[in-house]
Amino acid sequence: MKTYNIPIFVPHMGCPFDCVFCNQRRITGQTSGVKPSDVRSIISEALNTLPKGNKENKRVEVAFFGGSFTGIPIEEQSALLSAAAEFSYAVDGIRLSTRPDYISGEILDNLAKYGVTTIELGVQSMDDGVLKASNRGHTKEQVNAAVRLIRKYPFMLGLQMMTGLPGDTPEKSLKTADEIIALKPELVRIYPTLTIKDTYLEKMYLDGRYIPQTLDEAVELSKKLLLKFEAAGITVIRIGLQATDEICEEGSVTAGPVHSAFGELVESSIYFDLIEEKIKEKIKDKSVSAVVLVNDREISKAVGNKRANIKKIREKYNIELKIKGDKRLKKREVIFGCC
């Protein structure tokens, strides 16, 4: 089944804090608030673009992102959700993102009333020192309390974490992942920190008070996090910020591991490790050619961005590697094949 999200961005609505990394206009590409009429228009237009056909083969969700939805006055929340609920004949669910300190029984009762199905909390870190250095305005315990409340309702839970925040280390990020796993969310997002123009983090960077992750560092850490979450049975639905026009605009990102296909880099790095493991196991003569088989749909990930994995194997092992597809193989299954 294919899922189609209809994104509705609510830039900085409901959020009184200015986290050091945040510039919602640059991230979402939007500056103005959202009205119920906007919600109706966005959903109606999006539904007209979706492929027609058997409804059983697709899931359609409305997604409120970009701000702290439950920080909006509850009357405004209700108005926006009511507008979305008008399309219940074609929309299977409503998801939203918010802060852990803006969760209460009253708020959750209201979300359930309007058919919200998924709540994503911007956890970012489970280290109080990192949260304070990032001016998040909440603590680790508030995350735990919010999750306990949400678990009293039939919502699907998503948790978002960031890497490379001020005061963060790979070890702290891995510990954050362990604590997120203990909370048993259904979904996770992983966002490496970008130093975006016109944020306090940019000032910290320019003043020499913040050192961003390199692209290689962010890929390596995100790979470890992805594998850790998957091993715990948790679905990672995104790695890296979505490439809006504003993020891609020259000068929008001052520093940090920005890449238009960051998640693909992470998957390719996993494939490199799998291929290298096979080569070490099977090939004794380092001056040979090798054919590796992967699932048809995974070839681009196995080859790597700009054929990076092919080049790295050649440089490291003097092997001319060919990667071919075999639809019988599972995701990340790697075997040797014939020429």
C-alpha atoms as a PDB file:
ATOM      1  CA  MET A   1       0.000   0.000   0.000  1.00  0.00           C
ATOM      2  CA  LYS A   2       1.313   3.436  -0.942  1.00  0.00           C
ATOM      3  CA  THR A   3       0.913   6.358   1.470  1.00  0.00           C
ATOM      4  CA  TYR A   4       0.297   9.879   0.189  1.00  0.00           C
ATOM      5  CA  ASN A   5       0.861  12.782   2.579  1.00  0.00           C
ATOM      6  CA  ILE A   6      -0.822  16.138   2.033  1.00  0.00           C
ATOM      7  CA  PRO A   7       1.512  18.543   3.887  1.00  0.00           C
ATOM      8  CA  ILE A   8       0.102  21.671   5.494  1.00  0.00           C
ATOM      9  CA  PHE A   9       2.849  23.810   7.000  1.00  0.00           C
ATOM     10  CA  VAL A  10       2.059  25.967  10.024  1.00  0.00           C
ATOM     11  CA  PRO A  11       5.343  27.936  10.316  1.00  0.00           C
ATOM     12  CA  HIS A  12       6.096  28.816  13.941  1.00  0.00           C
ATOM     13  CA  MET A  13       2.400  28.750  14.822  1.00  0.00           C
ATOM     14  CA  GLY A  14       2.021  27.749  18.451  1.00  0.00           C
ATOM     15  CA  CYS A  15       5.727  27.902  19.259  1.00  0.00           C
ATOM     16  CA  PRO A  16       6.931  30.689  21.599  1.00  0.00           C
ATOM     17  CA  PHE A  17      10.505  29.395  21.617  1.00  0.00           C
ATOM     18  CA  ASP A  18      13.338  30.191  19.252  1.00  0.00           C
ATOM     19  CA  CYS A  19      15.481  27.073  19.167  1.00  0.00           C
ATOM     20  CA  VAL A  20      18.984  27.970  18.046  1.00  0.00           C
ATOM     21  CA  PHE A  21      18.649  25.974  14.813  1.00  0.00           C
ATOM     22  CA  CYS A  22      15.178  27.143  13.788  1.00  0.00           C
ATOM     23  CA  ASN A  23      14.133  29.361  10.904  1.00  0.00           C
ATOM     24  CA  GLN A  24      10.750  28.011   9.860  1.00  0.00           C
ATOM     25  CA  ARG A  25      10.514  30.203   6.755  1.00  0.00           C
ATOM     26  CA  ARG A  26      13.691  28.659   5.367  1.00  0.00           C
ATOM     27  CA  ILE A  27      12.705  25.141   6.411  1.00  0.00           C
ATOM     28  CA  THR A  28       9.085  25.155   5.239  1.00  0.00           C
ATOM     29  CA  GLY A  29       9.278  27.792   2.515  1.00  0.00           C
ATOM     30  CA  GLN A  30       6.335  29.581   4.110  1.00  0.00           C
ATOM     31  CA  THR A  31       5.938  32.735   6.188  1.00  0.00           C
ATOM     32  CA  SER A  32       2.215  33.310   6.664  1.00  0.00           C
ATOM     33  CA  GLY A  33      -0.153  31.498   8.985  1.00  0.00           C
ATOM     34  CA  VAL A  34      -2.725  28.976   7.846  1.00  0.00           C
ATOM     35  CA  LYS A  35      -6.496  29.478   7.902  1.00  0.00           C
ATOM     36  CA  PRO A  36      -9.238  26.829   7.631  1.00  0.00           C
ATOM     37  CA  SER A  37      -9.947  28.013   4.085  1.00  0.00           C
ATOM     38  CA  ASP A  38      -6.284  27.348   3.233  1.00  0.00           C
ATOM     39  CA  VAL A  39      -6.593  23.828   4.640  1.00  0.00           C
ATOM     40  CA  ARG A  40      -9.635  23.119   2.469  1.00  0.00           C
ATOM     41  CA  SER A  41      -7.939  24.507  -0.623  1.00  0.00           C
ATOM     42  CA  ILE A  42      -4.683  22.582  -0.082  1.00  0.00           C
ATOM     43  CA  ILE A  43      -6.445  19.270   0.538  1.00  0.00           C
ATOM     44  CA  SER A  44      -8.861  19.703  -2.363  1.00  0.00           C
ATOM     45  CA  GLU A  45      -6.074  20.517  -4.818  1.00  0.00           C
ATOM     46  CA  ALA A  46      -3.901  17.651  -3.555  1.00  0.00           C
ATOM     47  CA  LEU A  47      -6.695  15.104  -3.852  1.00  0.00           C
ATOM     48  CA  ASN A  48      -7.195  16.095  -7.484  1.00  0.00           C
ATOM     49  CA  THR A  49      -3.562  15.230  -8.253  1.00  0.00           C
ATOM     50  CA  LEU A  50      -3.577  11.776  -6.644  1.00  0.00           C
ATOM     51  CA  PRO A  51      -3.853   8.752  -8.919  1.00  0.00           C
ATOM     52  CA  LYS A  52      -7.367   7.453  -9.286  1.00  0.00           C
ATOM     53  CA  GLY A  53      -8.117   3.850  -8.578  1.00  0.00           C
ATOM     54  CA  ASN A  54      -8.794   1.366  -5.846  1.00  0.00           C
ATOM     55  CA  LYS A  55      -8.828   3.164  -2.480  1.00  0.00           C
ATOM     56  CA  GLU A  56      -7.667  -0.059  -0.821  1.00  0.00           C
ATOM     57  CA  ASN A  57      -4.268   0.290  -2.510  1.00  0.00           C
ATOM     58  CA  LYS A  58      -3.456   3.699  -1.068  1.00  0.00           C
ATOM     59  CA  ARG A  59      -3.530   5.595   2.213  1.00  0.00           C
ATOM     60  CA  VAL A  60      -4.006   9.360   2.232  1.00  0.00           C
ATOM     61  CA  GLU A  61      -3.005  11.458   5.235  1.00  0.00           C
ATOM     62  CA  VAL A  62      -3.180  15.171   5.990  1.00  0.00           C
ATOM     63  CA  ALA A  63       0.003  16.247   7.789  1.00  0.00           C
ATOM     64  CA  PHE A  64       0.265  19.462   9.830  1.00  0.00           C
ATOM     65  CA  PHE A  65       3.973  20.251  10.107  1.00  0.00           C
ATOM     66  CA  GLY A  66       6.287  23.193  10.645  1.00  0.00           C
ATOM     67  CA  GLY A  67       5.245  24.541  14.034  1.00  0.00           C
ATOM     68  CA  SER A  68       3.992  23.264  17.372  1.00  0.00           C
ATOM     69  CA  PHE A  69       0.419  22.468  16.456  1.00  0.00           C
ATOM     70  CA  THR A  70      -0.873  21.894  19.976  1.00  0.00           C
ATOM     71  CA  GLY A  71       0.584  25.225  21.113  1.00  0.00           C
ATOM     72  CA  ILE A  72      -1.965  27.018  18.946  1.00  0.00           C
ATOM     73  CA  PRO A  73      -5.056  28.185  20.900  1.00  0.00           C
ATOM     74  CA  ILE A  74      -7.371  25.193  21.073  1.00  0.00           C
ATOM     75  CA  GLU A  75     -10.145  27.021  19.189  1.00  0.00           C
ATOM     76  CA  GLU A  76      -7.775  27.509  16.241  1.00  0.00           C
ATOM     77  CA  GLN A  77      -6.637  23.886  16.454  1.00  0.00           C
ATOM     78  CA  SER A  78     -10.269  22.812  16.260  1.00  0.00           C
ATOM     79  CA  ALA A  79     -10.969  25.062  13.271  1.00  0.00           C
ATOM     80  CA  LEU A  80      -8.012  23.678  11.297  1.00  0.00           C
ATOM     81  CA  LEU A  81      -8.764  20.074  12.229  1.00  0.00           C
ATOM     82  CA  SER A  82     -12.456  20.501  11.471  1.00  0.00           C
ATOM     83  CA  ALA A  83     -11.575  21.735   7.981  1.00  0.00           C
ATOM     84  CA  ALA A  84      -9.384  18.671   7.428  1.00  0.00           C
ATOM     85  CA  ALA A  85     -12.046  16.343   8.835  1.00  0.00           C
ATOM     86  CA  GLU A  86     -14.466  17.502   6.124  1.00  0.00           C
ATOM     87  CA  PHE A  87     -12.461  15.313   3.738  1.00  0.00           C
ATOM     88  CA  SER A  88     -12.801  12.123   5.785  1.00  0.00           C
ATOM     89  CA  TYR A  89     -14.429  10.470   2.760  1.00  0.00           C
ATOM     90  CA  ALA A  90     -11.060  10.623   0.955  1.00  0.00           C
ATOM     91  CA  VAL A  91      -8.518  11.045   3.766  1.00  0.00           C
ATOM     92  CA  ASP A  92      -7.568   8.113   5.987  1.00  0.00           C
ATOM     93  CA  GLY A  93      -5.808   9.989   8.757  1.00  0.00           C
ATOM     94  CA  ILE A  94      -4.476  13.253  10.166  1.00  0.00           C
ATOM     95  CA  ARG A  95      -0.973  13.586  11.567  1.00  0.00           C
ATOM     96  CA  LEU A  96       0.692  16.526  13.255  1.00  0.00           C
ATOM     97  CA  SER A  97       3.950  17.516  14.882  1.00  0.00           C
ATOM     98  CA  THR A  98       4.294  19.342  18.162  1.00  0.00           C
ATOM     99  CA  ARG A  99       6.432  19.855  21.257  1.00  0.00           C
ATOM    100  CA  PRO A 100       6.430  17.438  24.194  1.00  0.00           C
ATOM    101  CA  ASP A 101       5.632  20.247  26.647  1.00  0.00           C
ATOM    102  CA  TYR A 102       2.406  21.068  24.765  1.00  0.00           C
ATOM    103  CA  ILE A 103       0.626  17.812  25.499  1.00  0.00           C
ATOM    104  CA  SER A 104      -2.231  17.503  27.998  1.00  0.00           C
ATOM    105  CA  GLY A 105      -5.327  15.408  28.497  1.00  0.00           C
ATOM    106  CA  GLU A 106      -7.548  18.249  27.248  1.00  0.00           C
ATOM    107  CA  ILE A 107      -5.456  18.651  24.103  1.00  0.00           C
ATOM    108  CA  LEU A 108      -5.395  14.921  23.378  1.00  0.00           C
ATOM    109  CA  ASP A 109      -9.159  14.632  23.897  1.00  0.00           C
ATOM    110  CA  ASN A 110      -9.627  17.362  21.299  1.00  0.00           C
ATOM    111  CA  LEU A 111      -7.240  15.755  18.795  1.00  0.00           C
ATOM    112  CA  ALA A 112      -9.041  12.432  19.135  1.00  0.00           C
ATOM    113  CA  LYS A 113     -12.394  14.171  18.606  1.00  0.00           C
ATOM    114  CA  TYR A 114     -11.290  15.402  15.168  1.00  0.00           C
ATOM    115  CA  GLY A 115      -9.817  12.130  13.986  1.00  0.00           C
ATOM    116  CA  VAL A 116      -6.091  12.729  14.471  1.00  0.00           C
ATOM    117  CA  THR A 117      -4.313   9.412  13.986  1.00  0.00           C
ATOM    118  CA  THR A 118      -0.596  10.197  14.459  1.00  0.00           C
ATOM    119  CA  ILE A 119       1.248  12.562  16.800  1.00  0.00           C
ATOM    120  CA  GLU A 120       4.931  13.277  16.240  1.00  0.00           C
ATOM    121  CA  LEU A 121       6.911  14.852  19.060  1.00  0.00           C
ATOM    122  CA  GLY A 122      10.008  16.921  18.403  1.00  0.00           C
ATOM    123  CA  VAL A 123      12.217  15.267  21.003  1.00  0.00           C
ATOM    124  CA  GLN A 124      15.521  16.261  19.307  1.00  0.00           C
ATOM    125  CA  SER A 125      17.634  14.960  22.222  1.00  0.00           C
ATOM    126  CA  MET A 126      17.205  13.072  25.481  1.00  0.00           C
ATOM    127  CA  ASP A 127      20.186  14.883  26.993  1.00  0.00           C
ATOM    128  CA  ASP A 128      19.136  17.854  29.130  1.00  0.00           C
ATOM    129  CA  GLY A 129      22.448  19.615  28.530  1.00  0.00           C
ATOM    130  CA  VAL A 130      21.977  19.437  24.764  1.00  0.00           C
ATOM    131  CA  LEU A 131      18.357  20.585  25.071  1.00  0.00           C
ATOM    132  CA  LYS A 132      19.417  23.587  27.153  1.00  0.00           C
ATOM    133  CA  ALA A 133      22.282  24.507  24.813  1.00  0.00           C
ATOM    134  CA  SER A 134      19.817  24.370  21.906  1.00  0.00           C
ATOM    135  CA  ASN A 135      17.261  26.559  23.739  1.00  0.00           C
ATOM    136  CA  ARG A 136      14.595  23.904  23.323  1.00  0.00           C
ATOM    137  CA  GLY A 137      12.650  25.032  26.389  1.00  0.00           C
ATOM    138  CA  HIS A 138      11.739  21.527  27.557  1.00  0.00           C
ATOM    139  CA  THR A 139      13.419  18.679  29.400  1.00  0.00           C
ATOM    140  CA  LYS A 140      13.873  14.967  28.922  1.00  0.00           C
ATOM    141  CA  GLU A 141      11.314  14.267  31.657  1.00  0.00           C
ATOM    142  CA  GLN A 142       8.711  16.315  29.794  1.00  0.00           C
ATOM    143  CA  VAL A 143       9.254  14.016  26.813  1.00  0.00           C
ATOM    144  CA  ASN A 144       8.661  10.969  29.006  1.00  0.00           C
ATOM    145  CA  ALA A 145       5.541  12.544  30.544  1.00  0.00           C
ATOM    146  CA  ALA A 146       4.105  13.439  27.125  1.00  0.00           C
ATOM    147  CA  VAL A 147       4.624   9.904  25.843  1.00  0.00           C
ATOM    148  CA  ARG A 148       2.923   8.432  28.918  1.00  0.00           C
ATOM    149  CA  LEU A 149      -0.119  10.633  28.257  1.00  0.00           C
ATOM    150  CA  ILE A 150      -0.259   9.891  24.532  1.00  0.00           C
ATOM    151  CA  ARG A 151      -0.121   6.157  25.229  1.00  0.00           C
ATOM    152  CA  LYS A 152      -3.492   6.435  26.988  1.00  0.00           C
ATOM    153  CA  TYR A 153      -5.031   7.127  23.570  1.00  0.00           C
ATOM    154  CA  PRO A 154      -5.053   5.120  20.316  1.00  0.00           C
ATOM    155  CA  PHE A 155      -2.713   7.530  18.523  1.00  0.00           C
ATOM    156  CA  MET A 156       0.271   6.299  16.556  1.00  0.00           C
ATOM    157  CA  LEU A 157       3.399   7.866  18.060  1.00  0.00           C
ATOM    158  CA  GLY A 158       6.329   9.308  16.154  1.00  0.00           C
ATOM    159  CA  LEU A 159       9.461  10.760  17.738  1.00  0.00           C
ATOM    160  CA  GLN A 160      11.899  13.076  15.984  1.00  0.00           C
ATOM    161  CA  MET A 161      15.575  13.363  16.932  1.00  0.00           C
ATOM    162  CA  MET A 162      18.418  15.567  15.728  1.00  0.00           C
ATOM    163  CA  THR A 163      22.148  14.923  15.600  1.00  0.00           C
ATOM    164  CA  GLY A 164      24.955  17.445  15.802  1.00  0.00           C
ATOM    165  CA  LEU A 165      23.192  19.931  18.084  1.00  0.00           C
ATOM    166  CA  PRO A 166      25.261  22.244  20.319  1.00  0.00           C
ATOM    167  CA  GLY A 167      26.833  20.134  23.049  1.00  0.00           C
ATOM    168  CA  ASP A 168      25.898  16.901  21.311  1.00  0.00           C
ATOM    169  CA  THR A 169      28.282  14.026  20.563  1.00  0.00           C
ATOM    170  CA  PRO A 170      27.821  10.757  18.662  1.00  0.00           C
ATOM    171  CA  GLU A 171      27.702   8.956  22.002  1.00  0.00           C
ATOM    172  CA  LYS A 172      24.926  11.247  23.276  1.00  0.00           C
ATOM    173  CA  SER A 173      22.954  10.763  20.063  1.00  0.00           C
ATOM    174  CA  LEU A 174      23.230   6.983  20.348  1.00  0.00           C
ATOM    175  CA  LYS A 175      22.075   7.212  23.977  1.00  0.00           C
ATOM    176  CA  THR A 176      19.153   9.372  22.846  1.00  0.00           C
ATOM    177  CA  ALA A 177      18.254   6.627  20.373  1.00  0.00           C
ATOM    178  CA  ASP A 178      18.341   4.026  23.148  1.00  0.00           C
ATOM    179  CA  GLU A 179      16.006   6.133  25.285  1.00  0.00           C
ATOM    180  CA  ILE A 180      13.678   6.718  22.338  1.00  0.00           C
ATOM    181  CA  ILE A 181      13.576   2.971  21.705  1.00  0.00           C
ATOM    182  CA  ALA A 182      12.589   2.454  25.344  1.00  0.00           C
ATOM    183  CA  LEU A 183       9.553   4.697  24.705  1.00  0.00           C
ATOM    184  CA  LYS A 184       8.447   2.316  21.911  1.00  0.00           C
ATOM    185  CA  PRO A 185       7.289   4.746  19.223  1.00  0.00           C
ATOM    186  CA  GLU A 186       5.948   3.341  15.976  1.00  0.00           C
ATOM    187  CA  LEU A 187       7.858   5.896  13.899  1.00  0.00           C
ATOM    188  CA  VAL A 188      11.079   7.906  14.066  1.00  0.00           C
ATOM    189  CA  ARG A 189      12.642  10.715  12.040  1.00  0.00           C
ATOM    190  CA  ILE A 190      16.368  11.516  12.123  1.00  0.00           C
ATOM    191  CA  TYR A 191      17.475  15.048  11.288  1.00  0.00           C
ATOM    192  CA  PRO A 192      21.170  16.021  11.159  1.00  0.00           C
ATOM    193  CA  THR A 193      21.469  19.652  12.252  1.00  0.00           C
ATOM    194  CA  LEU A 194      21.939  22.221   9.506  1.00  0.00           C
ATOM    195  CA  THR A 195      23.199  25.722  10.222  1.00  0.00           C
ATOM    196  CA  ILE A 196      20.482  27.734   8.500  1.00  0.00           C
ATOM    197  CA  LYS A 197      20.829  31.401   7.622  1.00  0.00           C
ATOM    198  CA  ASP A 198      19.403  33.943  10.068  1.00  0.00           C
ATOM    199  CA  THR A 199      19.376  31.612  13.069  1.00  0.00           C
ATOM    200  CA  TYR A 200      21.197  31.929  16.374  1.00  0.00           C
ATOM    201  CA  LEU A 201      23.089  28.765  15.441  1.00  0.00           C
ATOM    202  CA  GLU A 202      24.525  30.617  12.451  1.00  0.00           C
ATOM    203  CA  LYS A 203      25.800  33.312  14.821  1.00  0.00           C
ATOM    204  CA  MET A 204      27.323  30.636  17.072  1.00  0.00           C
ATOM    205  CA  TYR A 205      29.009  29.068  14.037  1.00  0.00           C
ATOM    206  CA  LEU A 206      30.369  32.370  12.730  1.00  0.00           C
ATOM    207  CA  ASP A 207      31.624  33.235  16.225  1.00  0.00           C
ATOM    208  CA  GLY A 208      33.442  29.900  16.459  1.00  0.00           C
ATOM    209  CA  ARG A 209      31.196  28.599  19.255  1.00  0.00           C
ATOM    210  CA  TYR A 210      29.663  25.776  17.224  1.00  0.00           C
ATOM    211  CA  ILE A 211      31.283  23.157  14.991  1.00  0.00           C
ATOM    212  CA  PRO A 212      28.808  21.424  12.648  1.00  0.00           C
ATOM    213  CA  GLN A 213      28.999  17.802  11.602  1.00  0.00           C
ATOM    214  CA  THR A 214      30.692  17.054   8.305  1.00  0.00           C
ATOM    215  CA  LEU A 215      28.625  15.206   5.716  1.00  0.00           C
ATOM    216  CA  ASP A 216      30.620  12.004   6.280  1.00  0.00           C
ATOM    217  CA  GLU A 217      30.199  12.247  10.070  1.00  0.00           C
ATOM    218  CA  ALA A 218      26.454  12.790   9.766  1.00  0.00           C
ATOM    219  CA  VAL A 219      26.039   9.883   7.343  1.00  0.00           C
ATOM    220  CA  GLU A 220      28.046   7.524   9.554  1.00  0.00           C
ATOM    221  CA  LEU A 221      26.106   8.427  12.707  1.00  0.00           C
ATOM    222  CA  SER A 222      22.723   8.365  10.955  1.00  0.00           C
ATOM    223  CA  LYS A 223      23.582   4.908   9.622  1.00  0.00           C
ATOM    224  CA  LYS A 224      24.194   3.620  13.146  1.00  0.00           C
ATOM    225  CA  LEU A 225      20.959   5.205  14.350  1.00  0.00           C
ATOM    226  CA  LEU A 226      18.930   3.784  11.464  1.00  0.00           C
ATOM    227  CA  LEU A 227      20.215   0.260  12.059  1.00  0.00           C
ATOM    228  CA  LYS A 228      19.621   0.599  15.799  1.00  0.00           C
ATOM    229  CA  PHE A 229      15.999   1.670  15.322  1.00  0.00           C
ATOM    230  CA  GLU A 230      15.346  -1.007  12.708  1.00  0.00           C
ATOM    231  CA  ALA A 231      16.769  -3.694  14.990  1.00  0.00           C
ATOM    232  CA  ALA A 232      14.236  -2.557  17.598  1.00  0.00           C
ATOM    233  CA  GLY A 233      11.387  -2.895  15.090  1.00  0.00           C
ATOM    234  CA  ILE A 234      10.839   0.864  14.752  1.00  0.00           C
ATOM    235  CA  THR A 235      10.195   2.356  11.319  1.00  0.00           C
ATOM    236  CA  VAL A 236      12.393   5.313  10.344  1.00  0.00           C
ATOM    237  CA  ILE A 237      10.243   7.356   7.972  1.00  0.00           C
ATOM    238  CA  ARG A 238      12.760  10.073   7.130  1.00  0.00           C
ATOM    239  CA  ILE A 239      16.461  10.852   7.433  1.00  0.00           C
ATOM    240  CA  GLY A 240      17.414  14.469   6.714  1.00  0.00           C
ATOM    241  CA  LEU A 241      15.348  17.599   6.099  1.00  0.00           C
ATOM    242  CA  GLN A 242      13.082  17.701   3.088  1.00  0.00           C
ATOM    243  CA  ALA A 243      14.730  19.701   0.302  1.00  0.00           C
ATOM    244  CA  THR A 244      12.373  22.692  -0.024  1.00  0.00           C
ATOM    245  CA  ASP A 245      13.201  25.357  -2.583  1.00  0.00           C
ATOM    246  CA  GLU A 246      14.294  27.631   0.265  1.00  0.00           C
ATOM    247  CA  ILE A 247      16.678  25.036   1.733  1.00  0.00           C
ATOM    248  CA  CYS A 248      18.143  24.395  -1.717  1.00  0.00           C
ATOM    249  CA  GLU A 249      18.459  28.114  -2.442  1.00  0.00           C
ATOM    250  CA  GLU A 250      22.104  29.177  -2.546  1.00  0.00           C
ATOM    251  CA  GLY A 251      23.153  30.718   0.772  1.00  0.00           C
ATOM    252  CA  SER A 252      20.211  29.348   2.773  1.00  0.00           C
ATOM    253  CA  VAL A 253      22.390  26.805   4.588  1.00  0.00           C
ATOM    254  CA  THR A 254      25.541  28.345   6.018  1.00  0.00           C
ATOM    255  CA  ALA A 255      27.143  25.099   7.187  1.00  0.00           C
ATOM    256  CA  GLY A 256      26.436  21.495   8.071  1.00  0.00           C
ATOM    257  CA  PRO A 257      25.744  18.189   6.312  1.00  0.00           C
ATOM    258  CA  VAL A 258      23.314  19.414   3.674  1.00  0.00           C
ATOM    259  CA  HIS A 259      22.547  17.067   0.779  1.00  0.00           C
ATOM    260  CA  SER A 260      19.449  16.787  -1.397  1.00  0.00           C
ATOM    261  CA  ALA A 261      19.460  12.981  -1.032  1.00  0.00           C
ATOM    262  CA  PHE A 262      20.848  12.534   2.473  1.00  0.00           C
ATOM    263  CA  GLY A 263      18.779   9.427   3.208  1.00  0.00           C
ATOM    264  CA  GLU A 264      20.075   7.814   0.022  1.00  0.00           C
ATOM    265  CA  LEU A 265      23.659   8.457   1.190  1.00  0.00           C
ATOM    266  CA  VAL A 266      22.900   6.640   4.436  1.00  0.00           C
ATOM    267  CA  GLU A 267      21.383   3.652   2.625  1.00  0.00           C
ATOM    268  CA  SER A 268      24.353   3.563   0.234  1.00  0.00           C
ATOM    269  CA  SER A 269      26.750   3.525   3.175  1.00  0.00           C
ATOM    270  CA  ILE A 270      24.909   0.513   4.585  1.00  0.00           C
ATOM    271  CA  TYR A 271      25.240  -1.228   1.225  1.00  0.00           C
ATOM    272  CA  PHE A 272      28.961  -0.470   1.098  1.00  0.00           C
ATOM    273  CA  ASP A 273      29.412  -2.215   4.441  1.00  0.00           C
ATOM    274  CA  LEU A 274      27.396  -5.229   3.250  1.00  0.00           C
ATOM    275  CA  ILE A 275      29.316  -5.485  -0.021  1.00  0.00           C
ATOM    276  CA  GLU A 276      32.666  -5.055   1.702  1.00  0.00           C
ATOM    277  CA  GLU A 277      31.769  -7.807   4.164  1.00  0.00           C
ATOM    278  CA  LYS A 278      31.006 -10.174   1.272  1.00  0.00           C
ATOM    279  CA  ILE A 279      34.255  -9.285  -0.464  1.00  0.00           C
ATOM    280  CA  LYS A 280      36.273  -9.956   2.678  1.00  0.00           C
ATOM    281  CA  GLU A 281      34.524 -13.298   3.129  1.00  0.00           C
ATOM    282  CA  LYS A 282      34.764 -14.602  -0.419  1.00  0.00           C
ATOM    283  CA  ILE A 283      37.573 -12.977  -2.353  1.00  0.00           C
ATOM    284  CA  LYS A 284      41.191 -13.867  -1.649  1.00  0.00           C
ATOM    285  CA  ASP A 285      42.751 -12.552  -4.858  1.00  0.00           C
ATOM    286  CA  LYS A 286      42.429  -8.769  -4.729  1.00  0.00           C
ATOM    287  CA  SER A 287      42.913  -8.307  -8.471  1.00  0.00           C
ATOM    288  CA  VAL A 288      39.668  -9.798  -9.745  1.00  0.00           C
ATOM    289  CA  SER A 289      36.311  -8.668 -10.980  1.00  0.00           C
ATOM    290  CA  ALA A 290      33.191  -9.318  -8.950  1.00  0.00           C
ATOM    291  CA  VAL A 291      29.458  -9.249  -9.617  1.00  0.00           C
ATOM    292  CA  VAL A 292      27.168  -8.525  -6.701  1.00  0.00           C
ATOM    293  CA  LEU A 293      23.405  -9.016  -6.818  1.00  0.00           C
ATOM    294  CA  VAL A 294      20.872  -6.910  -4.918  1.00  0.00           C
ATOM    295  CA  ASN A 295      17.139  -6.344  -5.210  1.00  0.00           C
ATOM    296  CA  ASP A 296      16.196  -4.578  -8.463  1.00  0.00           C
ATOM    297  CA  ARG A 297      14.827  -1.564  -6.603  1.00  0.00           C
ATOM    298  CA  GLU A 298      17.961  -1.169  -4.496  1.00  0.00           C
ATOM    299  CA  ILE A 299      20.561  -0.938  -7.276  1.00  0.00           C
ATOM    300  CA  SER A 300      21.027   2.839  -7.056  1.00  0.00           C
ATOM    301  CA  LYS A 301      21.576   2.623  -3.299  1.00  0.00           C
ATOM    302  CA  ALA A 302      24.092  -0.195  -3.711  1.00  0.00           C
ATOM    303  CA  VAL A 303      25.988   1.654  -6.448  1.00  0.00           C
ATOM    304  CA  GLY A 304      26.028   4.825  -4.359  1.00  0.00           C
ATOM    305  CA  ASN A 305      25.741   8.506  -5.162  1.00  0.00           C
ATOM    306  CA  LYS A 306      27.891   9.231  -8.226  1.00  0.00           C
ATOM    307  CA  ARG A 307      28.967   5.553  -8.138  1.00  0.00           C
ATOM    308  CA  ALA A 308      30.674   6.159  -4.797  1.00  0.00           C
ATOM    309  CA  ASN A 309      30.561   2.526  -3.634  1.00  0.00           C
ATOM    310  CA  ILE A 310      31.995   1.231  -6.922  1.00  0.00           C
ATOM    311  CA  LYS A 311      34.863   3.725  -6.663  1.00  0.00           C
ATOM    312  CA  LYS A 312      35.575   2.994  -2.989  1.00  0.00           C
ATOM    313  CA  ILE A 313      35.741  -0.768  -3.617  1.00  0.00           C
ATOM    314  CA  ARG A 314      38.093  -0.195  -6.565  1.00  0.00           C
ATOM    315  CA  GLU A 315      40.374   2.075  -4.523  1.00  0.00           C
ATOM    316  CA  LYS A 316      40.391  -0.122  -1.427  1.00  0.00           C
ATOM    317  CA  TYR A 317      40.516  -3.611  -2.979  1.00  0.00           C
ATOM    318  CA  ASN A 318      41.521  -3.090  -6.624  1.00  0.00           C
ATOM    319  CA  ILE A 319      38.322  -4.849  -7.652  1.00  0.00           C
ATOM    320  CA  GLU A 320      36.126  -3.884 -10.586  1.00  0.00           C
ATOM    321  CA  LEU A 321      32.723  -4.331  -9.032  1.00  0.00           C
ATOM    322  CA  LYS A 322      29.515  -4.778 -11.016  1.00  0.00           C
ATOM    323  CA  ILE A 323      26.154  -4.518  -9.305  1.00  0.00           C
ATOM    324  CA  LYS A 324      23.125  -6.182 -10.870  1.00  0.00           C
ATOM    325  CA  GLY A 325      19.505  -6.601  -9.874  1.00  0.00           C
ATOM    326  CA  ASP A 326      17.630  -9.723  -8.838  1.00  0.00           C
ATOM    327  CA  LYS A 327      13.981  -9.219  -7.908  1.00  0.00           C
ATOM    328  CA  ARG A 328      14.018 -12.373  -5.772  1.00  0.00           C
ATOM    329  CA  LEU A 329      16.316 -10.758  -3.211  1.00  0.00           C
ATOM    330  CA  LYS A 330      15.076  -8.880  -0.162  1.00  0.00           C
ATOM    331  CA  LYS A 331      16.005  -5.335   0.794  1.00  0.00           C
ATOM    332  CA  ARG A 332      19.713  -5.174   1.757  1.00  0.00           C
ATOM    333  CA  GLU A 333      20.294  -8.794   0.780  1.00  0.00           C
ATOM    334  CA  VAL A 334      23.657  -9.017  -1.018  1.00  0.00           C
ATOM    335  CA  ILE A 335      25.000 -12.110  -2.783  1.00  0.00           C
ATOM    336  CA  PHE A 336      27.663 -12.855  -5.374  1.00  0.00           C
ATOM    337  CA  GLY A 337      26.412 -13.548  -8.873  1.00  0.00           C
ATOM    338  CA  CYS A 338      27.643 -14.575 -12.288  1.00  0.00           C
ATOM    339  CA  CYS A 339      29.285 -12.225 -14.777  1.00  0.00           C
END
